[in-house]
């Protein structure tokens, strides 16, 4: 009769010890997750197991530990997706602004070139119409002004070419950013592919 009652207290003690050991391990798991979040480190099964000094098997077998790790990983994935999306939105806005600025500068350069060409035409017409009546000094002044305007047109043409190249580069960067945003949206809609265990 004694032999039948002796195992029960031992079994109860063993079960209680196992429960205490599991509770301590769970506490370490929660502390490890908290530390990883605070440090901004990636939350994964391997990282939590290493920090909490528990086996991966424990994290998979224990329902509470498994749920805590899964929740932490999902939260980290959402934060990372939001951060990446915000950074891409900022980059896209910057590139859009640069492209719009380049387009505005290009339009202004075209308008200035047209104005200068019109002015040159007017001056050449004046020279032809009044050449006989003008003094040598006036002709020299008009010729100098004409030369200056031609140089300005050449400079504006070069500036126009530079702005056109910048606009092309800005449009190319904007297309790249659009592709990046599409990739991130795809990752956000299917976060299980972005989470690594």
N, C-alpha and C. Protein backbone atom coordinates (compact mmCIF):
# COMPACT_ATOMS: atom_id res chain seq x y z
N UNK A 1 0.83 -1.19 0.00
CA UNK A 1 0.00 0.00 0.00
C UNK A 1 0.86 1.25 0.00
N UNK A 2 1.97 1.18 0.77
CA UNK A 2 2.91 2.30 0.77
C UNK A 2 3.53 2.50 -0.61
N UNK A 3 3.85 1.38 -1.27
CA UNK A 3 4.48 1.49 -2.59
C UNK A 3 3.53 2.13 -3.59
N UNK A 4 2.21 1.99 -3.39
CA UNK A 4 1.24 2.58 -4.32
C UNK A 4 1.10 4.08 -4.09
N UNK A 5 1.28 4.57 -2.85
CA UNK A 5 1.10 6.00 -2.56
C UNK A 5 2.37 6.80 -2.75
N UNK A 6 3.54 6.17 -2.77
CA UNK A 6 4.82 6.90 -2.87
C UNK A 6 4.99 7.60 -4.22
N UNK A 7 4.66 7.00 -5.37
CA UNK A 7 4.89 7.67 -6.65
C UNK A 7 4.04 8.93 -6.84
N UNK A 8 2.86 9.00 -6.21
CA UNK A 8 2.00 10.15 -6.45
C UNK A 8 2.64 11.46 -6.01
N UNK A 9 3.20 11.55 -4.80
CA UNK A 9 3.86 12.83 -4.44
C UNK A 9 5.06 13.11 -5.35
N UNK A 10 5.78 12.06 -5.73
CA UNK A 10 6.92 12.28 -6.63
C UNK A 10 6.45 12.79 -7.99
N UNK A 11 5.39 12.18 -8.51
CA UNK A 11 4.85 12.61 -9.80
C UNK A 11 4.34 14.04 -9.72
N UNK A 12 3.64 14.36 -8.63
CA UNK A 12 3.13 15.72 -8.46
C UNK A 12 4.28 16.72 -8.36
N UNK A 13 5.34 16.34 -7.64
CA UNK A 13 6.50 17.22 -7.52
C UNK A 13 7.19 17.39 -8.86
N UNK A 14 7.29 16.33 -9.62
CA UNK A 14 7.93 16.40 -10.94
C UNK A 14 7.11 17.28 -11.87
N UNK A 15 5.78 17.12 -11.82
CA UNK A 15 4.93 17.95 -12.66
C UNK A 15 5.03 19.43 -12.27
N UNK A 16 5.07 19.68 -10.96
CA UNK A 16 5.19 21.06 -10.49
C UNK A 16 6.52 21.66 -10.92
N UNK A 17 7.59 20.88 -10.82
CA UNK A 17 8.91 21.36 -11.24
C UNK A 17 8.93 21.65 -12.73
N UNK A 18 8.30 20.76 -13.50
CA UNK A 18 8.24 20.97 -14.96
C UNK A 18 7.44 22.25 -15.29
N UNK A 19 6.33 22.46 -14.54
CA UNK A 19 5.54 23.68 -14.77
C UNK A 19 6.36 24.93 -14.44
N UNK A 20 7.10 24.90 -13.31
CA UNK A 20 7.93 26.05 -12.93
C UNK A 20 9.00 26.31 -13.99
N UNK A 21 9.61 25.24 -14.47
CA UNK A 21 10.64 25.36 -15.50
C UNK A 21 10.05 25.97 -16.77
N UNK A 22 8.84 25.53 -17.15
CA UNK A 22 8.17 26.07 -18.35
C UNK A 22 7.82 27.53 -18.15
N UNK A 23 7.32 27.88 -16.95
CA UNK A 23 6.96 29.28 -16.67
C UNK A 23 8.18 30.18 -16.73
N UNK A 24 9.30 29.71 -16.20
CA UNK A 24 10.54 30.49 -16.25
C UNK A 24 11.01 30.66 -17.69
N UNK A 25 10.91 29.58 -18.45
CA UNK A 25 11.30 29.66 -19.87
C UNK A 25 10.40 30.64 -20.62
N UNK A 26 9.08 30.60 -20.34
CA UNK A 26 8.16 31.53 -20.98
C UNK A 26 8.48 32.98 -20.62
N UNK A 27 8.82 33.19 -19.35
CA UNK A 27 9.19 34.54 -18.92
C UNK A 27 10.43 35.02 -19.69
N UNK A 28 11.41 34.12 -19.86
CA UNK A 28 12.62 34.49 -20.62
C UNK A 28 12.27 34.79 -22.08
N UNK A 29 11.32 34.03 -22.65
CA UNK A 29 10.89 34.27 -24.03
C UNK A 29 10.29 35.67 -24.16
N UNK A 30 9.39 36.03 -23.24
CA UNK A 30 8.76 37.35 -23.28
C UNK A 30 9.80 38.45 -23.10
N UNK A 31 10.76 38.26 -22.20
CA UNK A 31 11.82 39.25 -21.99
C UNK A 31 12.69 39.39 -23.23
N UNK A 32 12.99 38.26 -23.89
CA UNK A 32 13.81 38.29 -25.11
C UNK A 32 13.09 39.06 -26.21
N UNK A 33 11.79 38.82 -26.37
CA UNK A 33 11.01 39.54 -27.39
C UNK A 33 11.02 41.04 -27.10
N UNK A 34 10.84 41.40 -25.82
CA UNK A 34 10.85 42.81 -25.43
C UNK A 34 12.19 43.45 -25.76
N UNK A 35 13.30 42.75 -25.45
CA UNK A 35 14.63 43.29 -25.74
C UNK A 35 14.84 43.45 -27.24
N UNK A 36 14.44 42.46 -28.02
CA UNK A 36 14.61 42.55 -29.48
C UNK A 36 13.83 43.73 -30.05
N UNK A 37 12.61 43.93 -29.55
CA UNK A 37 11.82 45.07 -30.03
C UNK A 37 12.48 46.39 -29.65
N UNK A 38 12.96 46.48 -28.41
CA UNK A 38 13.58 47.70 -27.94
C UNK A 38 14.83 48.04 -28.75
N UNK A 39 15.59 47.01 -29.12
CA UNK A 39 16.82 47.22 -29.89
C UNK A 39 16.55 47.42 -31.37
N UNK A 40 15.32 47.18 -31.80
CA UNK A 40 15.00 47.30 -33.22
C UNK A 40 15.56 46.15 -34.04
N UNK A 41 15.90 45.05 -33.38
CA UNK A 41 16.45 43.88 -34.08
C UNK A 41 15.31 43.07 -34.69
N UNK A 42 15.66 42.23 -35.66
CA UNK A 42 14.65 41.39 -36.31
C UNK A 42 14.19 40.30 -35.35
N UNK A 43 12.88 40.15 -35.24
CA UNK A 43 12.30 39.12 -34.37
C UNK A 43 12.10 37.86 -35.21
N UNK A 44 12.76 36.78 -34.81
CA UNK A 44 12.60 35.50 -35.49
C UNK A 44 12.67 34.39 -34.44
N UNK A 45 12.28 33.19 -34.84
CA UNK A 45 12.33 32.05 -33.91
C UNK A 45 13.76 31.84 -33.43
N UNK A 46 14.71 31.90 -34.36
CA UNK A 46 16.12 31.68 -33.99
C UNK A 46 16.61 32.75 -33.02
N UNK A 47 16.27 34.03 -33.29
CA UNK A 47 16.73 35.12 -32.43
C UNK A 47 16.14 35.00 -31.02
N UNK A 48 14.85 34.69 -30.94
CA UNK A 48 14.19 34.56 -29.63
C UNK A 48 14.77 33.36 -28.87
N UNK A 49 14.96 32.25 -29.57
CA UNK A 49 15.51 31.05 -28.92
C UNK A 49 16.90 31.35 -28.36
N UNK A 50 17.71 32.04 -29.14
CA UNK A 50 19.07 32.37 -28.71
C UNK A 50 19.05 33.31 -27.50
N UNK A 51 18.22 34.37 -27.57
CA UNK A 51 18.17 35.34 -26.47
C UNK A 51 17.56 34.75 -25.20
N UNK A 52 16.55 33.92 -25.35
CA UNK A 52 15.85 33.37 -24.19
C UNK A 52 16.53 32.12 -23.65
N UNK A 53 17.54 31.61 -24.37
CA UNK A 53 18.24 30.39 -23.98
C UNK A 53 17.27 29.22 -23.86
N UNK A 54 16.42 29.09 -24.90
CA UNK A 54 15.50 27.95 -24.99
C UNK A 54 15.69 27.33 -26.37
N UNK A 55 15.18 26.13 -26.53
CA UNK A 55 15.32 25.46 -27.83
C UNK A 55 14.21 25.94 -28.76
N UNK A 56 14.47 25.80 -30.05
CA UNK A 56 13.44 26.13 -31.04
C UNK A 56 12.23 25.19 -30.88
N UNK A 57 12.53 23.96 -30.50
CA UNK A 57 11.46 22.99 -30.29
C UNK A 57 10.49 23.49 -29.22
N UNK A 58 11.04 24.07 -28.14
CA UNK A 58 10.20 24.62 -27.07
C UNK A 58 9.29 25.71 -27.64
N UNK A 59 9.86 26.58 -28.49
CA UNK A 59 9.06 27.67 -29.06
C UNK A 59 7.96 27.15 -29.97
N UNK A 60 8.22 26.05 -30.66
CA UNK A 60 7.19 25.48 -31.55
C UNK A 60 6.16 24.66 -30.76
N UNK A 61 6.62 23.92 -29.73
CA UNK A 61 5.73 23.02 -29.00
C UNK A 61 4.85 23.74 -28.00
N UNK A 62 5.36 24.78 -27.35
CA UNK A 62 4.60 25.49 -26.33
C UNK A 62 3.69 26.51 -27.02
N UNK A 63 2.39 26.37 -26.79
CA UNK A 63 1.42 27.22 -27.48
C UNK A 63 1.59 28.70 -27.15
N UNK A 64 1.83 29.00 -25.87
CA UNK A 64 1.97 30.41 -25.47
C UNK A 64 3.22 31.03 -26.08
N UNK A 65 4.34 30.27 -26.05
CA UNK A 65 5.59 30.78 -26.63
C UNK A 65 5.43 30.96 -28.14
N UNK A 66 4.80 29.98 -28.80
CA UNK A 66 4.60 30.05 -30.25
C UNK A 66 3.76 31.27 -30.61
N UNK A 67 2.70 31.52 -29.85
CA UNK A 67 1.82 32.67 -30.12
C UNK A 67 2.55 33.99 -29.89
N UNK A 68 3.36 34.05 -28.83
CA UNK A 68 4.10 35.29 -28.53
C UNK A 68 5.10 35.61 -29.64
N UNK A 69 5.82 34.59 -30.12
CA UNK A 69 6.80 34.80 -31.19
C UNK A 69 6.09 35.19 -32.49
N UNK A 70 4.99 34.51 -32.80
CA UNK A 70 4.26 34.81 -34.04
C UNK A 70 3.71 36.24 -34.02
N UNK A 71 3.16 36.65 -32.87
CA UNK A 71 2.63 38.01 -32.75
C UNK A 71 3.75 39.04 -32.90
N UNK A 72 4.89 38.80 -32.25
CA UNK A 72 6.02 39.73 -32.33
C UNK A 72 6.54 39.83 -33.76
N UNK A 73 6.62 38.67 -34.44
CA UNK A 73 7.10 38.68 -35.83
C UNK A 73 6.14 39.44 -36.74
N UNK A 74 4.84 39.27 -36.53
CA UNK A 74 3.84 39.96 -37.36
C UNK A 74 3.91 41.47 -37.12
N UNK A 75 4.04 41.88 -35.83
CA UNK A 75 4.15 43.30 -35.50
C UNK A 75 5.39 43.91 -36.13
N UNK A 76 6.51 43.18 -36.05
CA UNK A 76 7.77 43.68 -36.62
C UNK A 76 7.66 43.80 -38.13
N UNK A 77 7.00 42.83 -38.76
CA UNK A 77 6.81 42.87 -40.22
C UNK A 77 5.97 44.06 -40.64
N UNK A 78 4.91 44.36 -39.89
CA UNK A 78 4.06 45.51 -40.22
C UNK A 78 4.83 46.82 -40.04
N UNK A 79 5.60 46.93 -38.95
CA UNK A 79 6.39 48.15 -38.72
C UNK A 79 7.40 48.34 -39.83
N UNK A 80 8.09 47.23 -40.21
CA UNK A 80 9.11 47.30 -41.25
C UNK A 80 8.48 47.69 -42.58
N UNK A 81 7.29 47.13 -42.90
CA UNK A 81 6.60 47.47 -44.15
C UNK A 81 6.18 48.93 -44.16
N UNK A 82 5.66 49.41 -43.00
CA UNK A 82 5.25 50.81 -42.93
C UNK A 82 6.45 51.73 -43.11
N UNK A 83 7.57 51.40 -42.46
CA UNK A 83 8.77 52.23 -42.56
C UNK A 83 9.27 52.26 -43.99
N UNK A 84 9.35 51.10 -44.65
CA UNK A 84 9.81 51.05 -46.04
C UNK A 84 8.87 51.83 -46.96
N UNK A 85 7.57 51.68 -46.73
CA UNK A 85 6.60 52.40 -47.56
C UNK A 85 6.74 53.91 -47.37
N UNK A 86 6.94 54.36 -46.11
CA UNK A 86 7.10 55.78 -45.85
C UNK A 86 8.36 56.31 -46.51
N UNK A 87 9.47 55.56 -46.42
CA UNK A 87 10.71 55.99 -47.05
C UNK A 87 10.53 56.08 -48.56
N UNK A 88 9.85 55.09 -49.15
CA UNK A 88 9.64 55.12 -50.59
C UNK A 88 8.73 56.27 -51.00
N UNK A 89 7.72 56.57 -50.16
CA UNK A 89 6.85 57.71 -50.46
C UNK A 89 7.66 59.01 -50.47
N UNK A 90 8.57 59.15 -49.49
CA UNK A 90 9.40 60.36 -49.43
C UNK A 90 10.29 60.45 -50.66
N UNK A 91 10.92 59.31 -51.03
CA UNK A 91 11.80 59.32 -52.21
C UNK A 91 11.01 59.65 -53.46
N UNK A 92 9.83 59.03 -53.58
CA UNK A 92 9.01 59.27 -54.77
C UNK A 92 8.60 60.73 -54.85
N UNK A 93 8.22 61.32 -53.71
CA UNK A 93 7.84 62.74 -53.71
C UNK A 93 9.02 63.61 -54.12
N UNK A 94 10.22 63.27 -53.64
CA UNK A 94 11.41 64.04 -54.00
C UNK A 94 11.67 63.95 -55.49
N UNK A 95 11.61 62.74 -56.05
CA UNK A 95 11.87 62.58 -57.48
C UNK A 95 10.79 63.25 -58.31
N UNK A 96 9.54 63.17 -57.87
CA UNK A 96 8.47 63.85 -58.60
C UNK A 96 8.71 65.36 -58.61
N UNK A 97 9.10 65.88 -57.44
CA UNK A 97 9.35 67.32 -57.35
C UNK A 97 10.51 67.72 -58.26
N UNK A 98 11.57 66.90 -58.28
CA UNK A 98 12.70 67.20 -59.16
C UNK A 98 12.28 67.17 -60.63
N UNK A 99 11.47 66.18 -60.98
CA UNK A 99 11.02 66.07 -62.37
C UNK A 99 10.18 67.29 -62.74
N UNK A 100 9.27 67.71 -61.85
CA UNK A 100 8.44 68.88 -62.13
C UNK A 100 9.29 70.14 -62.22
N UNK A 101 10.29 70.28 -61.33
CA UNK A 101 11.18 71.44 -61.39
C UNK A 101 11.96 71.46 -62.70
N UNK A 102 12.44 70.29 -63.12
CA UNK A 102 13.18 70.21 -64.38
C UNK A 102 12.29 70.58 -65.55
N UNK A 103 11.03 70.12 -65.54
CA UNK A 103 10.10 70.47 -66.62
C UNK A 103 9.83 71.97 -66.65
N UNK A 104 9.65 72.58 -65.46
CA UNK A 104 9.42 74.03 -65.40
C UNK A 104 10.63 74.79 -65.93
N UNK A 105 11.83 74.36 -65.52
CA UNK A 105 13.05 75.04 -65.99
C UNK A 105 13.20 74.88 -67.49
N UNK A 106 12.84 73.71 -68.02
CA UNK A 106 12.93 73.46 -69.46
C UNK A 106 11.97 74.37 -70.23
N UNK A 107 10.74 74.52 -69.72
CA UNK A 107 9.78 75.42 -70.37
C UNK A 107 10.30 76.86 -70.35
N UNK A 108 10.85 77.28 -69.21
CA UNK A 108 11.37 78.64 -69.10
C UNK A 108 12.52 78.86 -70.08
N UNK A 109 13.39 77.84 -70.23
CA UNK A 109 14.52 77.95 -71.16
C UNK A 109 14.02 78.05 -72.59
N UNK A 110 13.01 77.25 -72.96
CA UNK A 110 12.45 77.33 -74.31
C UNK A 110 11.87 78.72 -74.58
N UNK A 111 11.15 79.24 -73.60
CA UNK A 111 10.55 80.57 -73.77
C UNK A 111 11.63 81.64 -73.92
N UNK A 112 12.69 81.56 -73.13
CA UNK A 112 13.79 82.53 -73.21
C UNK A 112 14.51 82.44 -74.56
N UNK A 113 14.71 81.23 -75.05
CA UNK A 113 15.37 81.05 -76.36
C UNK A 113 14.51 81.67 -77.45
N UNK A 114 13.21 81.44 -77.40
CA UNK A 114 12.30 82.02 -78.40
C UNK A 114 12.35 83.55 -78.35
N UNK A 115 12.35 84.11 -77.13
CA UNK A 115 12.42 85.56 -76.97
C UNK A 115 13.71 86.11 -77.56
N UNK A 116 14.83 85.45 -77.25
CA UNK A 116 16.12 85.92 -77.75
C UNK A 116 16.21 85.81 -79.27
N UNK A 117 15.67 84.74 -79.83
CA UNK A 117 15.69 84.60 -81.29
C UNK A 117 14.86 85.70 -81.95
N UNK A 118 13.72 86.00 -81.34
CA UNK A 118 12.88 87.08 -81.87
C UNK A 118 13.62 88.41 -81.82
N UNK A 119 14.28 88.65 -80.70
CA UNK A 119 15.05 89.90 -80.54
C UNK A 119 16.19 89.97 -81.56
N UNK A 120 16.87 88.88 -81.77
CA UNK A 120 17.95 88.85 -82.77
C UNK A 120 17.39 89.17 -84.15
N UNK A 121 16.26 88.57 -84.47
CA UNK A 121 15.63 88.84 -85.77
C UNK A 121 15.28 90.30 -85.94
N UNK A 122 14.75 90.89 -84.87
CA UNK A 122 14.41 92.32 -84.92
C UNK A 122 15.65 93.17 -85.14
N UNK A 123 16.71 92.85 -84.42
CA UNK A 123 17.95 93.63 -84.56
C UNK A 123 18.56 93.49 -85.95
N UNK A 124 18.56 92.27 -86.47
CA UNK A 124 19.10 92.07 -87.82
C UNK A 124 18.27 92.86 -88.83
N UNK A 125 16.94 92.83 -88.63
CA UNK A 125 16.07 93.62 -89.52
C UNK A 125 16.38 95.10 -89.44
N UNK A 126 16.60 95.61 -88.23
CA UNK A 126 16.94 97.03 -88.06
C UNK A 126 18.26 97.35 -88.75
N UNK A 127 19.22 96.46 -88.63
CA UNK A 127 20.52 96.69 -89.27
C UNK A 127 20.35 96.78 -90.79
N UNK A 128 19.59 95.87 -91.35
CA UNK A 128 19.40 95.86 -92.80
C UNK A 128 18.62 97.10 -93.28
N UNK A 129 17.58 97.46 -92.52
CA UNK A 129 16.75 98.60 -92.93
C UNK A 129 17.49 99.94 -92.80
N UNK A 130 18.26 100.07 -91.76
CA UNK A 130 18.85 101.39 -91.47
C UNK A 130 20.37 101.45 -91.64
N UNK A 131 20.93 100.44 -92.25
CA UNK A 131 22.39 100.37 -92.33
C UNK A 131 22.98 101.61 -93.00
N UNK A 132 22.32 102.11 -94.01
CA UNK A 132 22.85 103.26 -94.74
C UNK A 132 22.83 104.52 -93.89
N UNK A 133 21.85 104.62 -92.96
CA UNK A 133 21.71 105.84 -92.17
C UNK A 133 22.53 105.80 -90.88
N UNK A 134 22.99 104.65 -90.49
CA UNK A 134 23.67 104.53 -89.19
C UNK A 134 25.15 104.85 -89.34
N UNK A 135 25.67 105.32 -88.23
CA UNK A 135 27.10 105.60 -88.20
C UNK A 135 27.86 104.30 -87.95
N UNK A 136 29.13 104.38 -88.18
CA UNK A 136 29.99 103.21 -87.96
C UNK A 136 29.92 102.78 -86.49
N UNK A 137 29.83 103.76 -85.59
CA UNK A 137 29.76 103.46 -84.14
C UNK A 137 28.46 102.73 -83.81
N UNK A 138 27.34 103.16 -84.39
CA UNK A 138 26.05 102.51 -84.14
C UNK A 138 26.04 101.09 -84.68
N UNK A 139 26.62 100.94 -85.87
CA UNK A 139 26.71 99.60 -86.46
C UNK A 139 27.54 98.69 -85.57
N UNK A 140 28.65 99.22 -85.07
CA UNK A 140 29.52 98.43 -84.19
C UNK A 140 28.78 98.02 -82.92
N UNK A 141 27.99 98.96 -82.37
CA UNK A 141 27.23 98.66 -81.15
C UNK A 141 26.19 97.58 -81.41
N UNK A 142 25.45 97.68 -82.50
CA UNK A 142 24.44 96.69 -82.84
C UNK A 142 25.09 95.33 -83.11
N UNK A 143 26.22 95.35 -83.79
CA UNK A 143 26.93 94.09 -84.07
C UNK A 143 27.39 93.44 -82.77
N UNK A 144 27.89 94.25 -81.85
CA UNK A 144 28.32 93.72 -80.55
C UNK A 144 27.14 93.15 -79.78
N UNK A 145 26.01 93.89 -79.81
CA UNK A 145 24.81 93.40 -79.12
C UNK A 145 24.32 92.10 -79.75
N UNK A 146 24.38 92.04 -81.08
CA UNK A 146 23.99 90.83 -81.80
C UNK A 146 24.87 89.65 -81.40
N UNK A 147 26.17 89.88 -81.33
CA UNK A 147 27.11 88.82 -80.93
C UNK A 147 26.81 88.37 -79.50
N UNK A 148 26.55 89.34 -78.63
CA UNK A 148 26.24 89.00 -77.24
C UNK A 148 24.97 88.16 -77.16
N UNK A 149 23.96 88.56 -77.94
CA UNK A 149 22.71 87.81 -77.91
C UNK A 149 22.89 86.40 -78.47
N UNK A 150 23.70 86.26 -79.51
CA UNK A 150 23.97 84.93 -80.05
C UNK A 150 24.66 84.04 -79.01
N UNK A 151 25.61 84.65 -78.27
CA UNK A 151 26.29 83.88 -77.21
C UNK A 151 25.29 83.47 -76.14
N UNK A 152 24.37 84.40 -75.82
CA UNK A 152 23.36 84.07 -74.80
C UNK A 152 22.46 82.94 -75.29
N UNK A 153 22.11 82.97 -76.59
CA UNK A 153 21.29 81.89 -77.16
C UNK A 153 22.03 80.57 -77.08
N UNK A 154 23.33 80.58 -77.40
CA UNK A 154 24.13 79.35 -77.31
C UNK A 154 24.15 78.82 -75.87
N UNK A 155 24.33 79.77 -74.92
CA UNK A 155 24.35 79.36 -73.50
C UNK A 155 23.00 78.79 -73.09
N UNK A 156 21.91 79.45 -73.51
CA UNK A 156 20.58 78.97 -73.17
C UNK A 156 20.30 77.61 -73.82
N UNK A 157 20.81 77.43 -75.03
CA UNK A 157 20.64 76.13 -75.70
C UNK A 157 21.36 75.04 -74.92
N UNK A 158 22.59 75.35 -74.48
CA UNK A 158 23.35 74.38 -73.67
C UNK A 158 22.63 74.09 -72.36
N UNK A 159 22.10 75.17 -71.71
CA UNK A 159 21.35 74.98 -70.46
C UNK A 159 20.11 74.13 -70.71
N UNK A 160 19.46 74.39 -71.84
CA UNK A 160 18.28 73.63 -72.22
C UNK A 160 18.62 72.15 -72.37
N UNK A 161 19.74 71.86 -73.00
CA UNK A 161 20.18 70.47 -73.17
C UNK A 161 20.43 69.81 -71.82
N UNK A 162 21.09 70.56 -70.91
CA UNK A 162 21.38 70.03 -69.57
C UNK A 162 20.08 69.74 -68.82
N UNK A 163 19.14 70.69 -68.89
CA UNK A 163 17.87 70.49 -68.20
C UNK A 163 17.10 69.32 -68.79
N UNK A 164 17.20 69.15 -70.10
CA UNK A 164 16.53 68.02 -70.74
C UNK A 164 17.11 66.70 -70.25
N UNK A 165 18.44 66.65 -70.09
CA UNK A 165 19.08 65.43 -69.58
C UNK A 165 18.66 65.17 -68.13
N UNK A 166 18.58 66.24 -67.35
CA UNK A 166 18.14 66.07 -65.95
C UNK A 166 16.71 65.57 -65.88
N UNK A 167 15.86 66.10 -66.77
CA UNK A 167 14.48 65.66 -66.80
C UNK A 167 14.39 64.18 -67.14
N UNK A 168 15.19 63.75 -68.13
CA UNK A 168 15.18 62.33 -68.49
C UNK A 168 15.64 61.48 -67.31
N UNK A 169 16.70 61.95 -66.60
CA UNK A 169 17.19 61.19 -65.44
C UNK A 169 16.13 61.15 -64.35
N UNK A 170 15.45 62.27 -64.11
CA UNK A 170 14.41 62.31 -63.07
C UNK A 170 13.26 61.38 -63.43
N UNK A 171 12.87 61.35 -64.72
CA UNK A 171 11.80 60.45 -65.13
C UNK A 171 12.22 58.99 -64.96
N UNK A 172 13.49 58.70 -65.27
CA UNK A 172 13.99 57.33 -65.11
C UNK A 172 13.96 56.93 -63.64
N UNK A 173 14.40 57.84 -62.76
CA UNK A 173 14.37 57.57 -61.32
C UNK A 173 12.94 57.39 -60.83
N UNK A 174 12.02 58.17 -61.37
CA UNK A 174 10.63 58.07 -60.96
C UNK A 174 10.05 56.72 -61.37
N UNK A 175 10.40 56.25 -62.58
CA UNK A 175 9.94 54.92 -63.00
C UNK A 175 10.49 53.85 -62.06
N UNK A 176 11.77 53.99 -61.66
CA UNK A 176 12.36 53.02 -60.73
C UNK A 176 11.62 53.04 -59.39
N UNK A 177 11.31 54.25 -58.89
CA UNK A 177 10.61 54.36 -57.62
C UNK A 177 9.20 53.76 -57.72
N UNK A 178 8.53 53.96 -58.88
CA UNK A 178 7.21 53.37 -59.07
C UNK A 178 7.29 51.85 -59.00
N UNK A 179 8.34 51.27 -59.63
CA UNK A 179 8.51 49.81 -59.55
C UNK A 179 8.78 49.38 -58.11
N UNK A 180 9.57 50.15 -57.38
CA UNK A 180 9.89 49.82 -55.99
C UNK A 180 8.64 49.85 -55.13
N UNK A 181 7.79 50.88 -55.34
CA UNK A 181 6.55 50.99 -54.58
C UNK A 181 5.65 49.80 -54.88
N UNK A 182 5.59 49.40 -56.16
CA UNK A 182 4.77 48.24 -56.53
C UNK A 182 5.27 46.98 -55.84
N UNK A 183 6.61 46.83 -55.78
CA UNK A 183 7.18 45.66 -55.08
C UNK A 183 6.82 45.69 -53.61
N UNK A 184 6.92 46.85 -52.98
CA UNK A 184 6.60 46.96 -51.55
C UNK A 184 5.11 46.70 -51.30
N UNK A 185 4.26 47.20 -52.20
CA UNK A 185 2.84 46.93 -52.03
C UNK A 185 2.56 45.44 -52.15
N UNK A 186 3.29 44.78 -53.04
CA UNK A 186 3.12 43.33 -53.17
C UNK A 186 3.57 42.64 -51.88
N UNK A 187 4.67 43.12 -51.29
CA UNK A 187 5.14 42.52 -50.03
C UNK A 187 4.15 42.77 -48.90
N UNK A 188 3.54 43.95 -48.88
CA UNK A 188 2.60 44.29 -47.81
C UNK A 188 1.35 43.42 -47.93
N UNK A 189 0.89 43.20 -49.17
CA UNK A 189 -0.32 42.39 -49.34
C UNK A 189 -0.06 40.92 -49.07
N UNK A 190 1.19 40.47 -49.15
CA UNK A 190 1.53 39.07 -48.88
C UNK A 190 2.70 39.04 -47.91
N UNK A 191 2.47 39.43 -46.61
CA UNK A 191 3.58 39.56 -45.67
C UNK A 191 4.26 38.25 -45.31
N UNK A 192 3.62 37.10 -45.57
CA UNK A 192 4.24 35.83 -45.19
C UNK A 192 5.51 35.57 -45.98
N UNK A 193 5.62 36.15 -47.17
CA UNK A 193 6.85 35.96 -47.97
C UNK A 193 7.98 36.80 -47.43
N UNK A 194 7.68 37.96 -46.81
CA UNK A 194 8.72 38.84 -46.31
C UNK A 194 9.26 38.43 -44.96
N UNK A 195 8.48 37.58 -44.19
CA UNK A 195 8.91 37.19 -42.84
C UNK A 195 9.79 35.96 -42.93
N UNK A 196 10.98 36.07 -42.39
CA UNK A 196 11.89 34.92 -42.38
C UNK A 196 11.98 34.39 -40.96
N UNK A 197 11.96 33.06 -40.86
CA UNK A 197 12.07 32.46 -39.51
C UNK A 197 13.47 32.00 -39.27
